[in-house]
């Protein structure tokens, strides 16, 4: 269904402008189901989409919250994770190891954030845009933990699919170490786990060593 069709149908409910605006944002966010990532499902049948990625991060944060180095507001972390990738509806998924694609990633995603969060009522536009900005800045305990989940999930998938995107030509252990660095900043136990995981991945030949 197009946005114009949804707006026409939902716009028929008089006196419910706030609710309609909220539902239009949800309708827009549903498009995350169509945004494909590079990470493969654990059964290796296909790549995941952004909605599946988002769900798994929320589940991981709920289960692994006790491993945070710092006290966190889990509800805030979950809100961050649920909206952190909505910008990819417009900007597309940027492959983490594509050095050229990341050059204009911030610009593309800022433009997307302006459009997509503005669909909400004004107070929620402000709230969720601030949460997205906070996630991107990585300066609070909640943002650090949310980012750790965002790095842990594809790392775990790559490890359990014999390397996954780590086998992309040109990707080295140095690249992988840069990607996983936020995990140890947010959690000592998860950071130690990732160190062991990468040692095994190198021994198994999942990652190129220069």
C-alpha atoms as a PDB file:
ATOM      1  CA  UNK A   1       0.000   0.000   0.000  1.00  0.00           C
ATOM      2  CA  UNK A   2       1.310   3.451  -0.893  1.00  0.00           C
ATOM      3  CA  UNK A   3       1.539   6.244   1.664  1.00  0.00           C
ATOM      4  CA  UNK A   4      -1.067   8.226  -0.251  1.00  0.00           C
ATOM      5  CA  UNK A   5      -3.503   5.300  -0.104  1.00  0.00           C
ATOM      6  CA  UNK A   6      -2.910   4.822   3.616  1.00  0.00           C
ATOM      7  CA  UNK A   7      -3.312   8.549   4.235  1.00  0.00           C
ATOM      8  CA  UNK A   8      -6.577   8.619   2.300  1.00  0.00           C
ATOM      9  CA  UNK A   9      -8.008   5.680   4.240  1.00  0.00           C
ATOM     10  CA  UNK A  10      -6.802   6.745   7.683  1.00  0.00           C
ATOM     11  CA  UNK A  11      -7.600  10.389   7.024  1.00  0.00           C
ATOM     12  CA  UNK A  12     -11.269   9.499   6.962  1.00  0.00           C
ATOM     13  CA  UNK A  13     -11.324   9.215  10.748  1.00  0.00           C
ATOM     14  CA  UNK A  14     -12.350  12.695  11.880  1.00  0.00           C
ATOM     15  CA  UNK A  15     -11.151  14.143  15.163  1.00  0.00           C
ATOM     16  CA  UNK A  16      -8.317  11.628  15.438  1.00  0.00           C
ATOM     17  CA  UNK A  17      -5.453  13.616  13.945  1.00  0.00           C
ATOM     18  CA  UNK A  18      -2.888  12.585  16.558  1.00  0.00           C
ATOM     19  CA  UNK A  19      -3.723   8.895  16.291  1.00  0.00           C
ATOM     20  CA  UNK A  20      -3.702   9.054  12.489  1.00  0.00           C
ATOM     21  CA  UNK A  21      -0.250  10.716  12.513  1.00  0.00           C
ATOM     22  CA  UNK A  22       1.063   7.995  14.823  1.00  0.00           C
ATOM     23  CA  UNK A  23      -0.379   5.264  12.628  1.00  0.00           C
ATOM     24  CA  UNK A  24       1.093   6.856   9.498  1.00  0.00           C
ATOM     25  CA  UNK A  25       4.540   6.676  11.115  1.00  0.00           C
ATOM     26  CA  UNK A  26       3.939   2.994  11.895  1.00  0.00           C
ATOM     27  CA  UNK A  27       2.807   2.392   8.305  1.00  0.00           C
ATOM     28  CA  UNK A  28       6.024   4.042   7.105  1.00  0.00           C
ATOM     29  CA  UNK A  29       8.180   2.030   9.516  1.00  0.00           C
ATOM     30  CA  UNK A  30       6.621  -1.178   8.166  1.00  0.00           C
ATOM     31  CA  UNK A  31       8.753  -0.593   5.070  1.00  0.00           C
ATOM     32  CA  UNK A  32      11.727  -1.827   7.102  1.00  0.00           C
ATOM     33  CA  UNK A  33      10.511  -5.287   6.084  1.00  0.00           C
ATOM     34  CA  UNK A  34      11.563  -4.463   2.514  1.00  0.00           C
ATOM     35  CA  UNK A  35      15.064  -3.126   3.314  1.00  0.00           C
ATOM     36  CA  UNK A  36      17.558  -5.953   2.841  1.00  0.00           C
ATOM     37  CA  UNK A  37      20.817  -6.243   4.755  1.00  0.00           C
ATOM     38  CA  UNK A  38      23.954  -8.275   3.995  1.00  0.00           C
ATOM     39  CA  UNK A  39      23.735 -10.448   7.110  1.00  0.00           C
ATOM     40  CA  UNK A  40      22.407 -13.936   6.434  1.00  0.00           C
ATOM     41  CA  UNK A  41      19.843 -15.762   8.526  1.00  0.00           C
ATOM     42  CA  UNK A  42      21.356 -18.500  10.659  1.00  0.00           C
ATOM     43  CA  UNK A  43      19.756 -21.137   8.438  1.00  0.00           C
ATOM     44  CA  UNK A  44      21.615 -19.434   5.533  1.00  0.00           C
ATOM     45  CA  UNK A  45      18.487 -19.464   3.361  1.00  0.00           C
ATOM     46  CA  UNK A  46      18.559 -15.725   2.645  1.00  0.00           C
ATOM     47  CA  UNK A  47      19.688 -12.359   3.957  1.00  0.00           C
ATOM     48  CA  UNK A  48      17.725 -10.705   6.736  1.00  0.00           C
ATOM     49  CA  UNK A  49      15.722  -7.509   6.426  1.00  0.00           C
ATOM     50  CA  UNK A  50      15.847  -4.467   8.678  1.00  0.00           C
ATOM     51  CA  UNK A  51      12.675  -5.398  10.557  1.00  0.00           C
ATOM     52  CA  UNK A  52      14.112  -8.801  11.463  1.00  0.00           C
ATOM     53  CA  UNK A  53      17.377  -7.178  12.509  1.00  0.00           C
ATOM     54  CA  UNK A  54      15.510  -4.666  14.683  1.00  0.00           C
ATOM     55  CA  UNK A  55      13.452  -7.372  16.389  1.00  0.00           C
ATOM     56  CA  UNK A  56      16.547  -9.416  17.178  1.00  0.00           C
ATOM     57  CA  UNK A  57      18.354  -6.415  18.663  1.00  0.00           C
ATOM     58  CA  UNK A  58      15.390  -5.668  20.929  1.00  0.00           C
ATOM     59  CA  UNK A  59      15.341  -9.298  22.083  1.00  0.00           C
ATOM     60  CA  UNK A  60      19.094  -9.303  22.682  1.00  0.00           C
ATOM     61  CA  UNK A  61      18.974  -6.069  24.676  1.00  0.00           C
ATOM     62  CA  UNK A  62      16.184  -7.450  26.866  1.00  0.00           C
ATOM     63  CA  UNK A  63      18.035 -10.698  27.570  1.00  0.00           C
ATOM     64  CA  UNK A  64      21.570  -9.283  27.851  1.00  0.00           C
ATOM     65  CA  UNK A  65      20.891  -6.036  29.760  1.00  0.00           C
ATOM     66  CA  UNK A  66      22.571  -7.441  32.891  1.00  0.00           C
ATOM     67  CA  UNK A  67      25.903  -7.403  31.038  1.00  0.00           C
ATOM     68  CA  UNK A  68      26.015  -3.613  30.638  1.00  0.00           C
ATOM     69  CA  UNK A  69      28.999  -1.935  32.306  1.00  0.00           C
ATOM     70  CA  UNK A  70      26.745   0.931  33.396  1.00  0.00           C
ATOM     71  CA  UNK A  71      23.201   1.196  34.735  1.00  0.00           C
ATOM     72  CA  UNK A  72      20.798   1.554  31.815  1.00  0.00           C
ATOM     73  CA  UNK A  73      17.156   2.408  31.275  1.00  0.00           C
ATOM     74  CA  UNK A  74      16.128  -0.668  29.295  1.00  0.00           C
ATOM     75  CA  UNK A  75      12.910   0.913  28.041  1.00  0.00           C
ATOM     76  CA  UNK A  76      14.970   3.734  26.535  1.00  0.00           C
ATOM     77  CA  UNK A  77      17.392   1.266  24.951  1.00  0.00           C
ATOM     78  CA  UNK A  78      14.482  -0.603  23.380  1.00  0.00           C
ATOM     79  CA  UNK A  79      12.985   2.599  21.980  1.00  0.00           C
ATOM     80  CA  UNK A  80      16.355   3.486  20.456  1.00  0.00           C
ATOM     81  CA  UNK A  81      16.735   0.083  18.867  1.00  0.00           C
ATOM     82  CA  UNK A  82      13.208   0.035  17.479  1.00  0.00           C
ATOM     83  CA  UNK A  83      13.784   3.282  15.560  1.00  0.00           C
ATOM     84  CA  UNK A  84      17.549   3.295  14.955  1.00  0.00           C
ATOM     85  CA  UNK A  85      17.307   1.980  11.395  1.00  0.00           C
ATOM     86  CA  UNK A  86      14.087   3.643  10.178  1.00  0.00           C
ATOM     87  CA  UNK A  87      16.279   6.074   8.236  1.00  0.00           C
ATOM     88  CA  UNK A  88      17.271   3.180   5.988  1.00  0.00           C
ATOM     89  CA  UNK A  89      13.790   3.291   4.456  1.00  0.00           C
ATOM     90  CA  UNK A  90      15.108   6.279   2.494  1.00  0.00           C
ATOM     91  CA  UNK A  91      18.882   5.909   2.826  1.00  0.00           C
ATOM     92  CA  UNK A  92      19.127   2.148   2.302  1.00  0.00           C
ATOM     93  CA  UNK A  93      21.309  -0.222   4.291  1.00  0.00           C
ATOM     94  CA  UNK A  94      24.973   0.763   4.140  1.00  0.00           C
ATOM     95  CA  UNK A  95      27.279  -2.257   4.158  1.00  0.00           C
ATOM     96  CA  UNK A  96      29.600  -1.794   7.112  1.00  0.00           C
ATOM     97  CA  UNK A  97      32.714  -2.862   5.201  1.00  0.00           C
ATOM     98  CA  UNK A  98      32.049  -0.726   2.094  1.00  0.00           C
ATOM     99  CA  UNK A  99      34.517   2.114   2.613  1.00  0.00           C
ATOM    100  CA  UNK A 100      33.132   4.223  -0.230  1.00  0.00           C
ATOM    101  CA  UNK A 101      29.464   3.857   0.739  1.00  0.00           C
ATOM    102  CA  UNK A 102      30.058   5.074   4.288  1.00  0.00           C
ATOM    103  CA  UNK A 103      31.419   8.408   3.052  1.00  0.00           C
ATOM    104  CA  UNK A 104      27.974   9.938   2.475  1.00  0.00           C
ATOM    105  CA  UNK A 105      26.067   7.722   4.895  1.00  0.00           C
ATOM    106  CA  UNK A 106      25.605  10.409   7.548  1.00  0.00           C
ATOM    107  CA  UNK A 107      24.254  12.918   5.042  1.00  0.00           C
ATOM    108  CA  UNK A 108      21.789  10.425   3.554  1.00  0.00           C
ATOM    109  CA  UNK A 109      20.561   9.321   6.949  1.00  0.00           C
ATOM    110  CA  UNK A 110      20.130  12.856   8.298  1.00  0.00           C
ATOM    111  CA  UNK A 111      17.857  13.726   5.388  1.00  0.00           C
ATOM    112  CA  UNK A 112      15.878  10.557   6.010  1.00  0.00           C
ATOM    113  CA  UNK A 113      15.547  11.308   9.723  1.00  0.00           C
ATOM    114  CA  UNK A 114      14.134  14.756   8.976  1.00  0.00           C
ATOM    115  CA  UNK A 115      11.398  13.324   6.770  1.00  0.00           C
ATOM    116  CA  UNK A 116      10.454  10.157   8.613  1.00  0.00           C
ATOM    117  CA  UNK A 117      10.320  11.411  12.204  1.00  0.00           C
ATOM    118  CA  UNK A 118       8.307  14.447  11.070  1.00  0.00           C
ATOM    119  CA  UNK A 119       5.404  12.080  10.330  1.00  0.00           C
ATOM    120  CA  UNK A 120       4.785  11.814  14.086  1.00  0.00           C
ATOM    121  CA  UNK A 121       2.925  14.379  16.208  1.00  0.00           C
ATOM    122  CA  UNK A 122       5.258  17.248  17.133  1.00  0.00           C
ATOM    123  CA  UNK A 123       6.073  16.041  20.654  1.00  0.00           C
ATOM    124  CA  UNK A 124       6.894  12.536  19.453  1.00  0.00           C
ATOM    125  CA  UNK A 125       8.845  13.897  16.496  1.00  0.00           C
ATOM    126  CA  UNK A 126      11.081  15.633  19.035  1.00  0.00           C
ATOM    127  CA  UNK A 127      11.282  12.618  21.367  1.00  0.00           C
ATOM    128  CA  UNK A 128      12.150  10.019  18.741  1.00  0.00           C
ATOM    129  CA  UNK A 129      14.460  12.269  16.759  1.00  0.00           C
ATOM    130  CA  UNK A 130      16.378  12.976  19.968  1.00  0.00           C
ATOM    131  CA  UNK A 131      16.574   9.232  20.653  1.00  0.00           C
ATOM    132  CA  UNK A 132      17.930   8.618  17.151  1.00  0.00           C
ATOM    133  CA  UNK A 133      20.495  11.414  17.555  1.00  0.00           C
ATOM    134  CA  UNK A 134      21.491  10.001  20.954  1.00  0.00           C
ATOM    135  CA  UNK A 135      21.986   6.541  19.455  1.00  0.00           C
ATOM    136  CA  UNK A 136      24.186   7.986  16.730  1.00  0.00           C
ATOM    137  CA  UNK A 137      26.292  10.026  19.184  1.00  0.00           C
ATOM    138  CA  UNK A 138      27.030   7.011  21.461  1.00  0.00           C
ATOM    139  CA  UNK A 139      27.586   9.313  24.455  1.00  0.00           C
ATOM    140  CA  UNK A 140      25.120   7.873  26.994  1.00  0.00           C
ATOM    141  CA  UNK A 141      25.061   4.485  28.678  1.00  0.00           C
ATOM    142  CA  UNK A 142      21.862   3.581  26.823  1.00  0.00           C
ATOM    143  CA  UNK A 143      23.291   4.581  23.454  1.00  0.00           C
ATOM    144  CA  UNK A 144      26.505   2.667  24.098  1.00  0.00           C
ATOM    145  CA  UNK A 145      24.600  -0.484  25.024  1.00  0.00           C
ATOM    146  CA  UNK A 146      22.212  -0.143  22.077  1.00  0.00           C
ATOM    147  CA  UNK A 147      25.170   0.249  19.719  1.00  0.00           C
ATOM    148  CA  UNK A 148      26.824  -2.790  21.283  1.00  0.00           C
ATOM    149  CA  UNK A 149      23.746  -4.851  20.422  1.00  0.00           C
ATOM    150  CA  UNK A 150      23.834  -3.472  16.872  1.00  0.00           C
ATOM    151  CA  UNK A 151      27.421  -4.716  16.504  1.00  0.00           C
ATOM    152  CA  UNK A 152      26.976  -7.977  18.406  1.00  0.00           C
ATOM    153  CA  UNK A 153      24.098  -9.328  16.312  1.00  0.00           C
ATOM    154  CA  UNK A 154      25.828  -9.387  12.898  1.00  0.00           C
ATOM    155  CA  UNK A 155      29.045 -10.568  14.553  1.00  0.00           C
ATOM    156  CA  UNK A 156      27.235 -13.560  16.014  1.00  0.00           C
ATOM    157  CA  UNK A 157      25.522 -14.267  12.690  1.00  0.00           C
ATOM    158  CA  UNK A 158      28.811 -14.120  10.785  1.00  0.00           C
ATOM    159  CA  UNK A 159      30.470 -16.466  13.263  1.00  0.00           C
ATOM    160  CA  UNK A 160      27.620 -18.975  13.057  1.00  0.00           C
ATOM    161  CA  UNK A 161      27.535 -18.911   9.240  1.00  0.00           C
ATOM    162  CA  UNK A 162      31.240 -19.704   8.727  1.00  0.00           C
ATOM    163  CA  UNK A 163      32.252 -16.087   8.274  1.00  0.00           C
ATOM    164  CA  UNK A 164      29.282 -14.538   6.499  1.00  0.00           C
ATOM    165  CA  UNK A 165      30.146 -11.013   5.383  1.00  0.00           C
ATOM    166  CA  UNK A 166      33.647 -11.351   6.847  1.00  0.00           C
ATOM    167  CA  UNK A 167      34.453 -13.377   3.728  1.00  0.00           C
ATOM    168  CA  UNK A 168      33.777 -10.369   1.496  1.00  0.00           C
ATOM    169  CA  UNK A 169      36.975  -9.719  -0.520  1.00  0.00           C
ATOM    170  CA  UNK A 170      39.100  -7.062   1.145  1.00  0.00           C
ATOM    171  CA  UNK A 171      37.657  -7.461   4.650  1.00  0.00           C
ATOM    172  CA  UNK A 172      40.382  -8.111   7.238  1.00  0.00           C
ATOM    173  CA  UNK A 173      40.573  -8.736  10.968  1.00  0.00           C
ATOM    174  CA  UNK A 174      41.481  -5.066  11.411  1.00  0.00           C
ATOM    175  CA  UNK A 175      38.173  -4.076   9.810  1.00  0.00           C
ATOM    176  CA  UNK A 176      36.285  -6.511  12.009  1.00  0.00           C
ATOM    177  CA  UNK A 177      38.021  -5.284  15.170  1.00  0.00           C
ATOM    178  CA  UNK A 178      36.982  -1.718  14.372  1.00  0.00           C
ATOM    179  CA  UNK A 179      33.375  -2.819  13.926  1.00  0.00           C
ATOM    180  CA  UNK A 180      33.178  -4.730  17.215  1.00  0.00           C
ATOM    181  CA  UNK A 181      34.986  -2.120  19.346  1.00  0.00           C
ATOM    182  CA  UNK A 182      31.739  -0.609  20.738  1.00  0.00           C
ATOM    183  CA  UNK A 183      30.830  -3.957  22.305  1.00  0.00           C
ATOM    184  CA  UNK A 184      33.672  -3.914  24.848  1.00  0.00           C
ATOM    185  CA  UNK A 185      33.004  -0.250  25.631  1.00  0.00           C
ATOM    186  CA  UNK A 186      29.487  -1.155  26.736  1.00  0.00           C
ATOM    187  CA  UNK A 187      30.152  -4.535  28.349  1.00  0.00           C
ATOM    188  CA  UNK A 188      33.257  -6.167  29.742  1.00  0.00           C
ATOM    189  CA  UNK A 189      31.808  -9.672  29.647  1.00  0.00           C
ATOM    190  CA  UNK A 190      30.517  -9.313  26.092  1.00  0.00           C
ATOM    191  CA  UNK A 191      33.812  -7.764  25.033  1.00  0.00           C
ATOM    192  CA  UNK A 192      35.734 -10.730  26.445  1.00  0.00           C
ATOM    193  CA  UNK A 193      33.336 -13.105  24.707  1.00  0.00           C
ATOM    194  CA  UNK A 194      33.877 -11.358  21.361  1.00  0.00           C
ATOM    195  CA  UNK A 195      37.663 -11.562  21.788  1.00  0.00           C
ATOM    196  CA  UNK A 196      37.385 -15.338  22.209  1.00  0.00           C
ATOM    197  CA  UNK A 197      34.916 -15.608  19.339  1.00  0.00           C
ATOM    198  CA  UNK A 198      37.232 -13.759  16.956  1.00  0.00           C
ATOM    199  CA  UNK A 199      40.200 -15.905  17.978  1.00  0.00           C
ATOM    200  CA  UNK A 200      38.180 -18.973  17.006  1.00  0.00           C
ATOM    201  CA  UNK A 201      37.004 -17.306  13.792  1.00  0.00           C
ATOM    202  CA  UNK A 202      40.605 -16.636  12.776  1.00  0.00           C
ATOM    203  CA  UNK A 203      41.646 -20.219  13.530  1.00  0.00           C
ATOM    204  CA  UNK A 204      38.725 -21.518  11.480  1.00  0.00           C
ATOM    205  CA  UNK A 205      39.650 -19.281   8.546  1.00  0.00           C
ATOM    206  CA  UNK A 206      36.467 -17.208   8.714  1.00  0.00           C
ATOM    207  CA  UNK A 207      38.398 -13.903   8.638  1.00  0.00           C
ATOM    208  CA  UNK A 208      41.383 -12.847   6.557  1.00  0.00           C
ATOM    209  CA  UNK A 209      44.499 -11.977   8.556  1.00  0.00           C
ATOM    210  CA  UNK A 210      46.943  -9.528   6.966  1.00  0.00           C
END
